[in-house]
Amino acid sequence: MKKIVEFVVILDNGVRKRHRHEVEKGRVLSFMVQLEVFVEGEWKPVIRYDSSHEFAHVDLFTLDGKQEKVALDLSFGSALTLADRDINENWEEYVEKFLKGGWPR
């Protein structure tokens, strides 16, 4: 049976991490982990790891909505672990870069 896990973690005032993954028999079928900042009256993505388009990748966003996609040569499970760890450890730096227009890498 498939299980969907979804939650939001408030990291700071106006900063949150959204997490969603679907798993079946211990195997990650899909995932999305996104760092968001509340700016200009709306939540905007800063960095998003996900499995859309049928491959693991990370999307880097600019404040004006431009985006760069970087493929990850990882299984969905490994990419999900990386995503959570990366955002948990680096969210402050990512938010600062985003607000200063520093994306993409």
C-alpha atoms as a PDB file:
ATOM      1  CA  MET A   1       0.000   0.000   0.000  1.00  0.00           C
ATOM      2  CA  LYS A   2       1.242   3.494  -0.880  1.00  0.00           C
ATOM      3  CA  LYS A   3       1.828   5.949   1.911  1.00  0.00           C
ATOM      4  CA  ILE A   4       2.000   9.717   1.428  1.00  0.00           C
ATOM      5  CA  VAL A   5       3.867  11.830   3.973  1.00  0.00           C
ATOM      6  CA  GLU A   6       3.412  15.610   3.913  1.00  0.00           C
ATOM      7  CA  PHE A   7       4.499  18.276   6.368  1.00  0.00           C
ATOM      8  CA  VAL A   8       5.693  21.865   6.664  1.00  0.00           C
ATOM      9  CA  VAL A   9       8.546  22.969   8.915  1.00  0.00           C
ATOM     10  CA  ILE A  10       8.737  26.625   9.945  1.00  0.00           C
ATOM     11  CA  LEU A  11      12.445  27.521   9.901  1.00  0.00           C
ATOM     12  CA  ASP A  12      12.135  31.235  10.688  1.00  0.00           C
ATOM     13  CA  ASN A  13       9.681  34.086  10.360  1.00  0.00           C
ATOM     14  CA  GLY A  14       8.696  33.996   6.692  1.00  0.00           C
ATOM     15  CA  VAL A  15      10.798  30.905   5.893  1.00  0.00           C
ATOM     16  CA  ARG A  16       9.506  27.354   5.622  1.00  0.00           C
ATOM     17  CA  LYS A  17      10.364  23.940   4.248  1.00  0.00           C
ATOM     18  CA  ARG A  18       7.620  21.932   2.552  1.00  0.00           C
ATOM     19  CA  HIS A  19       8.169  18.171   2.396  1.00  0.00           C
ATOM     20  CA  ARG A  20       6.159  15.533   0.537  1.00  0.00           C
ATOM     21  CA  HIS A  21       7.022  11.998  -0.422  1.00  0.00           C
ATOM     22  CA  GLU A  22       5.204   8.875  -1.475  1.00  0.00           C
ATOM     23  CA  VAL A  23       6.532   5.469  -0.500  1.00  0.00           C
ATOM     24  CA  GLU A  24       5.478   1.875  -1.131  1.00  0.00           C
ATOM     25  CA  LYS A  25       7.106  -1.163   0.488  1.00  0.00           C
ATOM     26  CA  GLY A  26      10.023   1.003   1.661  1.00  0.00           C
ATOM     27  CA  ARG A  27      10.701   2.417  -1.817  1.00  0.00           C
ATOM     28  CA  VAL A  28      10.348   6.144  -2.509  1.00  0.00           C
ATOM     29  CA  LEU A  29       8.048   6.569  -5.518  1.00  0.00           C
ATOM     30  CA  SER A  30       8.063  10.365  -5.645  1.00  0.00           C
ATOM     31  CA  PHE A  31       9.252  13.291  -3.536  1.00  0.00           C
ATOM     32  CA  MET A  32       9.430  17.057  -3.232  1.00  0.00           C
ATOM     33  CA  VAL A  33      11.328  19.110  -0.657  1.00  0.00           C
ATOM     34  CA  GLN A  34      11.156  22.869  -1.134  1.00  0.00           C
ATOM     35  CA  LEU A  35      12.541  25.865   0.727  1.00  0.00           C
ATOM     36  CA  GLU A  36      10.207  28.867   0.503  1.00  0.00           C
ATOM     37  CA  VAL A  37      10.368  32.513   1.544  1.00  0.00           C
ATOM     38  CA  PHE A  38       7.400  34.806   2.119  1.00  0.00           C
ATOM     39  CA  VAL A  39       8.204  37.913   0.100  1.00  0.00           C
ATOM     40  CA  GLU A  40       6.088  40.472  -1.733  1.00  0.00           C
ATOM     41  CA  GLY A  41       2.955  39.010  -0.143  1.00  0.00           C
ATOM     42  CA  GLU A  42       3.443  35.424  -1.338  1.00  0.00           C
ATOM     43  CA  TRP A  43       5.440  32.258  -0.745  1.00  0.00           C
ATOM     44  CA  LYS A  44       8.217  31.951  -3.335  1.00  0.00           C
ATOM     45  CA  PRO A  45      10.390  28.884  -3.938  1.00  0.00           C
ATOM     46  CA  VAL A  46      14.114  29.287  -3.279  1.00  0.00           C
ATOM     47  CA  ILE A  47      15.311  25.739  -3.963  1.00  0.00           C
ATOM     48  CA  ARG A  48      13.303  22.611  -4.724  1.00  0.00           C
ATOM     49  CA  TYR A  49      14.404  18.998  -4.873  1.00  0.00           C
ATOM     50  CA  ASP A  50      11.898  16.732  -6.590  1.00  0.00           C
ATOM     51  CA  SER A  51      11.199  13.759  -8.808  1.00  0.00           C
ATOM     52  CA  SER A  52       8.884  15.335 -11.366  1.00  0.00           C
ATOM     53  CA  HIS A  53       9.784  14.625 -14.986  1.00  0.00           C
ATOM     54  CA  GLU A  54      10.652  11.084 -13.781  1.00  0.00           C
ATOM     55  CA  PHE A  55      14.167  11.916 -12.547  1.00  0.00           C
ATOM     56  CA  ALA A  56      15.677  13.323  -9.367  1.00  0.00           C
ATOM     57  CA  HIS A  57      16.761  16.925  -9.723  1.00  0.00           C
ATOM     58  CA  VAL A  58      17.083  20.252  -7.964  1.00  0.00           C
ATOM     59  CA  ASP A  59      15.563  23.530  -9.172  1.00  0.00           C
ATOM     60  CA  LEU A  60      17.214  26.809  -8.180  1.00  0.00           C
ATOM     61  CA  PHE A  61      15.037  29.923  -8.355  1.00  0.00           C
ATOM     62  CA  THR A  62      15.690  33.643  -8.587  1.00  0.00           C
ATOM     63  CA  LEU A  63      13.532  36.256  -6.902  1.00  0.00           C
ATOM     64  CA  ASP A  64      12.084  37.226 -10.289  1.00  0.00           C
ATOM     65  CA  GLY A  65      11.022  33.622 -10.988  1.00  0.00           C
ATOM     66  CA  LYS A  66      13.798  32.356 -13.237  1.00  0.00           C
ATOM     67  CA  GLN A  67      14.819  28.772 -12.640  1.00  0.00           C
ATOM     68  CA  GLU A  68      17.744  26.446 -13.293  1.00  0.00           C
ATOM     69  CA  LYS A  69      17.306  22.654 -13.227  1.00  0.00           C
ATOM     70  CA  VAL A  70      20.220  20.424 -12.196  1.00  0.00           C
ATOM     71  CA  ALA A  71      19.896  16.649 -12.588  1.00  0.00           C
ATOM     72  CA  LEU A  72      20.940  14.454  -9.667  1.00  0.00           C
ATOM     73  CA  ASP A  73      22.406  11.054 -10.423  1.00  0.00           C
ATOM     74  CA  LEU A  74      20.715   9.526  -7.367  1.00  0.00           C
ATOM     75  CA  SER A  75      17.857   7.207  -6.553  1.00  0.00           C
ATOM     76  CA  PHE A  76      14.698   8.924  -5.328  1.00  0.00           C
ATOM     77  CA  GLY A  77      15.394   7.701  -1.787  1.00  0.00           C
ATOM     78  CA  SER A  78      18.960   9.044  -1.756  1.00  0.00           C
ATOM     79  CA  ALA A  79      17.871  12.336  -3.339  1.00  0.00           C
ATOM     80  CA  LEU A  80      15.147  12.736  -0.700  1.00  0.00           C
ATOM     81  CA  THR A  81      17.689  12.213   2.092  1.00  0.00           C
ATOM     82  CA  LEU A  82      20.080  14.696   0.458  1.00  0.00           C
ATOM     83  CA  ALA A  83      17.299  17.262   0.012  1.00  0.00           C
ATOM     84  CA  ASP A  84      16.225  17.215   3.645  1.00  0.00           C
ATOM     85  CA  ARG A  85      19.797  17.338   4.915  1.00  0.00           C
ATOM     86  CA  ASP A  86      20.872  20.098   2.517  1.00  0.00           C
ATOM     87  CA  ILE A  87      17.952  22.399   3.270  1.00  0.00           C
ATOM     88  CA  ASN A  88      18.167  21.767   7.028  1.00  0.00           C
ATOM     89  CA  GLU A  89      21.874  22.624   7.063  1.00  0.00           C
ATOM     90  CA  ASN A  90      22.024  25.445   4.497  1.00  0.00           C
ATOM     91  CA  TRP A  91      18.654  27.203   4.467  1.00  0.00           C
ATOM     92  CA  GLU A  92      19.984  30.474   5.913  1.00  0.00           C
ATOM     93  CA  GLU A  93      22.664  30.763   3.226  1.00  0.00           C
ATOM     94  CA  TYR A  94      20.158  29.871   0.490  1.00  0.00           C
ATOM     95  CA  VAL A  95      17.638  32.473   1.649  1.00  0.00           C
ATOM     96  CA  GLU A  96      20.328  35.146   1.810  1.00  0.00           C
ATOM     97  CA  LYS A  97      21.555  34.307  -1.732  1.00  0.00           C
ATOM     98  CA  PHE A  98      17.993  34.244  -3.050  1.00  0.00           C
ATOM     99  CA  LEU A  99      17.063  37.627  -1.579  1.00  0.00           C
ATOM    100  CA  LYS A 100      20.269  39.174  -2.944  1.00  0.00           C
ATOM    101  CA  GLY A 101      19.693  37.691  -6.414  1.00  0.00           C
ATOM    102  CA  GLY A 102      22.537  35.185  -6.053  1.00  0.00           C
ATOM    103  CA  TRP A 103      20.885  32.171  -7.673  1.00  0.00           C
ATOM    104  CA  PRO A 104      21.609  30.182  -9.687  1.00  0.00           C
ATOM    105  CA  ARG A 105      24.904  28.752  -8.530  1.00  0.00           C
END
